[in-house]
Amino acid sequence: MDMIEGLGLVLQSHLALIYRAIRSTRGDSPLHFCDECVTASRAAIEGYNAAWETYRAREDTAWKMVINW
């Protein structure tokens, strides 16, 4: 994973948090999320999983960077 991909992962995570603050139009429950929040969250998780698959097989300690995300 290069710097651009890592930045994309961080941005997707922040975007999910921002969307989480937006009230859903589906109901009054705080457990309802807007669709954009779910989409951004899934993209962040997929990016994290891709980073983990890249770094976990390395011999050095680069995998620790992924855990710190």
PDB file of N, CA and C in Angstrom:
ATOM      1  N   MET A   1       0.851  -1.169   0.000  1.00  0.00           N
ATOM      2  CA  MET A   1       0.000   0.000   0.000  1.00  0.00           C
ATOM      3  C   MET A   1       0.895   1.229   0.000  1.00  0.00           C
ATOM      4  N   ASP A   2       0.632   2.091  -0.916  1.00  0.00           N
ATOM      5  CA  ASP A   2       1.424   3.316  -0.979  1.00  0.00           C
ATOM      6  C   ASP A   2       0.713   4.440  -0.226  1.00  0.00           C
ATOM      7  N   MET A   3       1.329   5.605  -0.236  1.00  0.00           N
ATOM      8  CA  MET A   3       0.800   6.735   0.523  1.00  0.00           C
ATOM      9  C   MET A   3      -0.593   7.149   0.048  1.00  0.00           C
ATOM     10  N   ILE A   4      -0.825   7.099  -1.258  1.00  0.00           N
ATOM     11  CA  ILE A   4      -2.129   7.499  -1.802  1.00  0.00           C
ATOM     12  C   ILE A   4      -3.222   6.550  -1.322  1.00  0.00           C
ATOM     13  N   GLU A   5      -2.974   5.249  -1.358  1.00  0.00           N
ATOM     14  CA  GLU A   5      -3.969   4.292  -0.887  1.00  0.00           C
ATOM     15  C   GLU A   5      -4.222   4.452   0.603  1.00  0.00           C
ATOM     16  N   GLY A   6      -3.157   4.677   1.373  1.00  0.00           N
ATOM     17  CA  GLY A   6      -3.304   4.892   2.813  1.00  0.00           C
ATOM     18  C   GLY A   6      -4.109   6.135   3.115  1.00  0.00           C
ATOM     19  N   LEU A   7      -3.869   7.186   2.357  1.00  0.00           N
ATOM     20  CA  LEU A   7      -4.624   8.419   2.542  1.00  0.00           C
ATOM     21  C   LEU A   7      -6.099   8.199   2.209  1.00  0.00           C
ATOM     22  N   GLY A   8      -6.363   7.429   1.162  1.00  0.00           N
ATOM     23  CA  GLY A   8      -7.741   7.112   0.799  1.00  0.00           C
ATOM     24  C   GLY A   8      -8.455   6.362   1.912  1.00  0.00           C
ATOM     25  N   LEU A   9      -7.756   5.449   2.559  1.00  0.00           N
ATOM     26  CA  LEU A   9      -8.328   4.694   3.665  1.00  0.00           C
ATOM     27  C   LEU A   9      -8.681   5.623   4.825  1.00  0.00           C
ATOM     28  N   VAL A  10      -7.784   6.521   5.153  1.00  0.00           N
ATOM     29  CA  VAL A  10      -8.035   7.474   6.240  1.00  0.00           C
ATOM     30  C   VAL A  10      -9.203   8.393   5.880  1.00  0.00           C
ATOM     31  N   LEU A  11      -9.235   8.872   4.650  1.00  0.00           N
ATOM     32  CA  LEU A  11     -10.317   9.756   4.231  1.00  0.00           C
ATOM     33  C   LEU A  11     -11.669   9.052   4.263  1.00  0.00           C
ATOM     34  N   GLN A  12     -11.719   7.799   3.835  1.00  0.00           N
ATOM     35  CA  GLN A  12     -12.986   7.052   3.881  1.00  0.00           C
ATOM     36  C   GLN A  12     -13.444   6.863   5.322  1.00  0.00           C
ATOM     37  N   SER A  13     -12.507   6.609   6.220  1.00  0.00           N
ATOM     38  CA  SER A  13     -12.849   6.449   7.629  1.00  0.00           C
ATOM     39  C   SER A  13     -13.412   7.747   8.203  1.00  0.00           C
ATOM     40  N   HIS A  14     -12.771   8.857   7.880  1.00  0.00           N
ATOM     41  CA  HIS A  14     -13.255  10.157   8.362  1.00  0.00           C
ATOM     42  C   HIS A  14     -14.612  10.502   7.743  1.00  0.00           C
ATOM     43  N   LEU A  15     -14.772  10.170   6.485  1.00  0.00           N
ATOM     44  CA  LEU A  15     -16.046  10.427   5.818  1.00  0.00           C
ATOM     45  C   LEU A  15     -17.180   9.651   6.490  1.00  0.00           C
ATOM     46  N   ALA A  16     -16.904   8.412   6.871  1.00  0.00           N
ATOM     47  CA  ALA A  16     -17.909   7.610   7.570  1.00  0.00           C
ATOM     48  C   ALA A  16     -18.288   8.265   8.899  1.00  0.00           C
ATOM     49  N   LEU A  17     -17.300   8.800   9.613  1.00  0.00           N
ATOM     50  CA  LEU A  17     -17.593   9.476  10.881  1.00  0.00           C
ATOM     51  C   LEU A  17     -18.419  10.740  10.674  1.00  0.00           C
ATOM     52  N   ILE A  18     -18.116  11.463   9.623  1.00  0.00           N
ATOM     53  CA  ILE A  18     -18.882  12.678   9.324  1.00  0.00           C
ATOM     54  C   ILE A  18     -20.322  12.313   8.979  1.00  0.00           C
ATOM     55  N   TYR A  19     -20.486  11.303   8.129  1.00  0.00           N
ATOM     56  CA  TYR A  19     -21.840  10.877   7.773  1.00  0.00           C
ATOM     57  C   TYR A  19     -22.595  10.319   8.983  1.00  0.00           C
ATOM     58  N   ARG A  20     -21.874   9.748   9.922  1.00  0.00           N
ATOM     59  CA  ARG A  20     -22.520   9.205  11.124  1.00  0.00           C
ATOM     60  C   ARG A  20     -23.189  10.317  11.925  1.00  0.00           C
ATOM     61  N   ALA A  21     -22.635  11.504  11.858  1.00  0.00           N
ATOM     62  CA  ALA A  21     -23.197  12.631  12.601  1.00  0.00           C
ATOM     63  C   ALA A  21     -24.477  13.170  11.969  1.00  0.00           C
ATOM     64  N   ILE A  22     -24.718  12.803  10.716  1.00  0.00           N
ATOM     65  CA  ILE A  22     -25.916  13.267  10.017  1.00  0.00           C
ATOM     66  C   ILE A  22     -27.087  12.363  10.383  1.00  0.00           C
ATOM     67  N   ARG A  23     -28.174  12.956  10.803  1.00  0.00           N
ATOM     68  CA  ARG A  23     -29.357  12.186  11.191  1.00  0.00           C
ATOM     69  C   ARG A  23     -29.974  11.487   9.971  1.00  0.00           C
ATOM     70  N   SER A  24     -30.347  10.255  10.156  1.00  0.00           N
ATOM     71  CA  SER A  24     -30.993   9.483   9.095  1.00  0.00           C
ATOM     72  C   SER A  24     -32.424   9.952   8.887  1.00  0.00           C
ATOM     73  N   THR A  25     -32.888   9.867   7.669  1.00  0.00           N
ATOM     74  CA  THR A  25     -34.273  10.238   7.371  1.00  0.00           C
ATOM     75  C   THR A  25     -35.211   9.040   7.515  1.00  0.00           C
ATOM     76  N   ARG A  26     -34.679   7.877   7.874  1.00  0.00           N
ATOM     77  CA  ARG A  26     -35.490   6.665   7.978  1.00  0.00           C
ATOM     78  C   ARG A  26     -36.250   6.532   9.291  1.00  0.00           C
ATOM     79  N   GLY A  27     -35.838   7.214  10.299  1.00  0.00           N
ATOM     80  CA  GLY A  27     -36.524   7.080  11.581  1.00  0.00           C
ATOM     81  C   GLY A  27     -35.855   7.918  12.650  1.00  0.00           C
ATOM     82  N   ASP A  28     -36.426   7.846  13.830  1.00  0.00           N
ATOM     83  CA  ASP A  28     -35.915   8.638  14.937  1.00  0.00           C
ATOM     84  C   ASP A  28     -34.868   7.909  15.761  1.00  0.00           C
ATOM     85  N   SER A  29     -34.656   6.654  15.511  1.00  0.00           N
ATOM     86  CA  SER A  29     -33.704   5.875  16.299  1.00  0.00           C
ATOM     87  C   SER A  29     -32.266   6.283  15.977  1.00  0.00           C
ATOM     88  N   PRO A  30     -31.420   6.387  16.997  1.00  0.00           N
ATOM     89  CA  PRO A  30     -30.007   6.704  16.739  1.00  0.00           C
ATOM     90  C   PRO A  30     -29.253   5.536  16.103  1.00  0.00           C
ATOM     91  N   LEU A  31     -29.899   4.393  15.990  1.00  0.00           N
ATOM     92  CA  LEU A  31     -29.263   3.233  15.375  1.00  0.00           C
ATOM     93  C   LEU A  31     -29.414   3.215  13.859  1.00  0.00           C
ATOM     94  N   HIS A  32     -30.194   4.118  13.314  1.00  0.00           N
ATOM     95  CA  HIS A  32     -30.335   4.228  11.865  1.00  0.00           C
ATOM     96  C   HIS A  32     -29.227   5.120  11.321  1.00  0.00           C
ATOM     97  N   PHE A  33     -28.607   4.679  10.251  1.00  0.00           N
ATOM     98  CA  PHE A  33     -27.545   5.438   9.604  1.00  0.00           C
ATOM     99  C   PHE A  33     -28.008   5.857   8.216  1.00  0.00           C
ATOM    100  N   CYS A  34     -27.485   6.973   7.727  1.00  0.00           N
ATOM    101  CA  CYS A  34     -27.798   7.359   6.354  1.00  0.00           C
ATOM    102  C   CYS A  34     -27.047   6.410   5.401  1.00  0.00           C
ATOM    103  N   ASP A  35     -27.546   6.263   4.204  1.00  0.00           N
ATOM    104  CA  ASP A  35     -26.947   5.335   3.244  1.00  0.00           C
ATOM    105  C   ASP A  35     -25.500   5.690   2.932  1.00  0.00           C
ATOM    106  N   GLU A  36     -25.189   6.970   2.889  1.00  0.00           N
ATOM    107  CA  GLU A  36     -23.814   7.398   2.597  1.00  0.00           C
ATOM    108  C   GLU A  36     -22.846   6.945   3.691  1.00  0.00           C
ATOM    109  N   CYS A  37     -23.323   6.914   4.933  1.00  0.00           N
ATOM    110  CA  CYS A  37     -22.488   6.449   6.036  1.00  0.00           C
ATOM    111  C   CYS A  37     -22.131   4.980   5.857  1.00  0.00           C
ATOM    112  N   VAL A  38     -23.125   4.192   5.503  1.00  0.00           N
ATOM    113  CA  VAL A  38     -22.902   2.751   5.312  1.00  0.00           C
ATOM    114  C   VAL A  38     -21.949   2.518   4.141  1.00  0.00           C
ATOM    115  N   THR A  39     -22.121   3.250   3.059  1.00  0.00           N
ATOM    116  CA  THR A  39     -21.262   3.107   1.884  1.00  0.00           C
ATOM    117  C   THR A  39     -19.818   3.474   2.214  1.00  0.00           C
ATOM    118  N   ALA A  40     -19.628   4.597   2.900  1.00  0.00           N
ATOM    119  CA  ALA A  40     -18.276   5.031   3.271  1.00  0.00           C
ATOM    120  C   ALA A  40     -17.640   4.055   4.257  1.00  0.00           C
ATOM    121  N   SER A  41     -18.421   3.539   5.182  1.00  0.00           N
ATOM    122  CA  SER A  41     -17.900   2.580   6.155  1.00  0.00           C
ATOM    123  C   SER A  41     -17.452   1.285   5.483  1.00  0.00           C
ATOM    124  N   ARG A  42     -18.257   0.820   4.550  1.00  0.00           N
ATOM    125  CA  ARG A  42     -17.887  -0.412   3.833  1.00  0.00           C
ATOM    126  C   ARG A  42     -16.615  -0.212   3.017  1.00  0.00           C
ATOM    127  N   ALA A  43     -16.493   0.947   2.371  1.00  0.00           N
ATOM    128  CA  ALA A  43     -15.289   1.235   1.587  1.00  0.00           C
ATOM    129  C   ALA A  43     -14.064   1.287   2.497  1.00  0.00           C
ATOM    130  N   ALA A  44     -14.214   1.862   3.682  1.00  0.00           N
ATOM    131  CA  ALA A  44     -13.093   1.931   4.623  1.00  0.00           C
ATOM    132  C   ALA A  44     -12.691   0.532   5.098  1.00  0.00           C
ATOM    133  N   ILE A  45     -13.665  -0.305   5.406  1.00  0.00           N
ATOM    134  CA  ILE A  45     -13.369  -1.670   5.844  1.00  0.00           C
ATOM    135  C   ILE A  45     -12.708  -2.478   4.733  1.00  0.00           C
ATOM    136  N   GLU A  46     -13.189  -2.327   3.512  1.00  0.00           N
ATOM    137  CA  GLU A  46     -12.569  -3.030   2.381  1.00  0.00           C
ATOM    138  C   GLU A  46     -11.130  -2.563   2.181  1.00  0.00           C
ATOM    139  N   GLY A  47     -10.895  -1.263   2.333  1.00  0.00           N
ATOM    140  CA  GLY A  47      -9.530  -0.744   2.223  1.00  0.00           C
ATOM    141  C   GLY A  47      -8.633  -1.271   3.324  1.00  0.00           C
ATOM    142  N   TYR A  48      -9.159  -1.336   4.533  1.00  0.00           N
ATOM    143  CA  TYR A  48      -8.391  -1.874   5.653  1.00  0.00           C
ATOM    144  C   TYR A  48      -8.072  -3.353   5.422  1.00  0.00           C
ATOM    145  N   ASN A  49      -9.055  -4.122   4.962  1.00  0.00           N
ATOM    146  CA  ASN A  49      -8.823  -5.543   4.691  1.00  0.00           C
ATOM    147  C   ASN A  49      -7.772  -5.745   3.605  1.00  0.00           C
ATOM    148  N   ALA A  50      -7.793  -4.897   2.579  1.00  0.00           N
ATOM    149  CA  ALA A  50      -6.783  -4.989   1.523  1.00  0.00           C
ATOM    150  C   ALA A  50      -5.405  -4.666   2.071  1.00  0.00           C
ATOM    151  N   ALA A  51      -5.326  -3.667   2.941  1.00  0.00           N
ATOM    152  CA  ALA A  51      -4.041  -3.321   3.551  1.00  0.00           C
ATOM    153  C   ALA A  51      -3.536  -4.464   4.420  1.00  0.00           C
ATOM    154  N   TRP A  52      -4.426  -5.078   5.162  1.00  0.00           N
ATOM    155  CA  TRP A  52      -4.028  -6.194   6.016  1.00  0.00           C
ATOM    156  C   TRP A  52      -3.486  -7.355   5.181  1.00  0.00           C
ATOM    157  N   GLU A  53      -4.163  -7.680   4.078  1.00  0.00           N
ATOM    158  CA  GLU A  53      -3.697  -8.765   3.218  1.00  0.00           C
ATOM    159  C   GLU A  53      -2.317  -8.454   2.634  1.00  0.00           C
ATOM    160  N   THR A  54      -2.048  -7.195   2.356  1.00  0.00           N
ATOM    161  CA  THR A  54      -0.753  -6.802   1.806  1.00  0.00           C
ATOM    162  C   THR A  54       0.349  -6.914   2.846  1.00  0.00           C
ATOM    163  N   TYR A  55       0.079  -6.438   4.046  1.00  0.00           N
ATOM    164  CA  TYR A  55       1.139  -6.326   5.056  1.00  0.00           C
ATOM    165  C   TYR A  55       1.324  -7.555   5.928  1.00  0.00           C
ATOM    166  N   ARG A  56       0.317  -8.372   6.097  1.00  0.00           N
ATOM    167  CA  ARG A  56       0.448  -9.476   7.042  1.00  0.00           C
ATOM    168  C   ARG A  56       1.440 -10.546   6.606  1.00  0.00           C
ATOM    169  N   ALA A  57       1.686 -10.660   5.314  1.00  0.00           N
ATOM    170  CA  ALA A  57       2.601 -11.681   4.814  1.00  0.00           C
ATOM    171  C   ALA A  57       4.064 -11.226   4.815  1.00  0.00           C
ATOM    172  N   ARG A  58       4.314  -9.981   5.127  1.00  0.00           N
ATOM    173  CA  ARG A  58       5.683  -9.477   5.115  1.00  0.00           C
ATOM    174  C   ARG A  58       6.478  -9.997   6.310  1.00  0.00           C
ATOM    175  N   GLU A  59       7.772 -10.130   6.092  1.00  0.00           N
ATOM    176  CA  GLU A  59       8.662 -10.619   7.144  1.00  0.00           C
ATOM    177  C   GLU A  59       8.972  -9.546   8.186  1.00  0.00           C
ATOM    178  N   ASP A  60       8.985  -8.294   7.767  1.00  0.00           N
ATOM    179  CA  ASP A  60       9.324  -7.226   8.702  1.00  0.00           C
ATOM    180  C   ASP A  60       8.116  -6.874   9.580  1.00  0.00           C
ATOM    181  N   THR A  61       8.192  -5.798  10.260  1.00  0.00           N
ATOM    182  CA  THR A  61       7.122  -5.415  11.181  1.00  0.00           C
ATOM    183  C   THR A  61       6.153  -4.416  10.572  1.00  0.00           C
ATOM    184  N   ALA A  62       6.046  -4.374   9.251  1.00  0.00           N
ATOM    185  CA  ALA A  62       5.155  -3.422   8.589  1.00  0.00           C
ATOM    186  C   ALA A  62       3.697  -3.658   8.954  1.00  0.00           C
ATOM    187  N   TRP A  63       3.346  -4.882   9.329  1.00  0.00           N
ATOM    188  CA  TRP A  63       1.956  -5.177   9.678  1.00  0.00           C
ATOM    189  C   TRP A  63       1.504  -4.371  10.893  1.00  0.00           C
ATOM    190  N   LYS A  64       2.439  -3.919  11.720  1.00  0.00           N
ATOM    191  CA  LYS A  64       2.068  -3.121  12.892  1.00  0.00           C
ATOM    192  C   LYS A  64       1.458  -1.783  12.470  1.00  0.00           C
ATOM    193  N   MET A  65       1.859  -1.279  11.303  1.00  0.00           N
ATOM    194  CA  MET A  65       1.270  -0.033  10.799  1.00  0.00           C
ATOM    195  C   MET A  65      -0.225  -0.220  10.545  1.00  0.00           C
ATOM    196  N   VAL A  66      -0.607  -1.363  10.037  1.00  0.00           N
ATOM    197  CA  VAL A  66      -2.012  -1.607   9.729  1.00  0.00           C
ATOM    198  C   VAL A  66      -2.826  -1.669  11.010  1.00  0.00           C
ATOM    199  N   ILE A  67      -2.296  -2.279  12.036  1.00  0.00           N
ATOM    200  CA  ILE A  67      -3.013  -2.389  13.303  1.00  0.00           C
ATOM    201  C   ILE A  67      -3.225  -1.010  13.914  1.00  0.00           C
ATOM    202  N   ASN A  68      -2.260  -0.113  13.748  1.00  0.00           N
ATOM    203  CA  ASN A  68      -2.388   1.227  14.312  1.00  0.00           C
ATOM    204  C   ASN A  68      -3.442   2.054  13.611  1.00  0.00           C
ATOM    205  N   TRP A  69      -3.875   1.673  12.413  1.00  0.00           N
ATOM    206  CA  TRP A  69      -4.951   2.395  11.746  1.00  0.00           C
ATOM    207  C   TRP A  69      -6.223   2.132  12.462  1.00  0.00           C
TER     208      TRP A  69
END
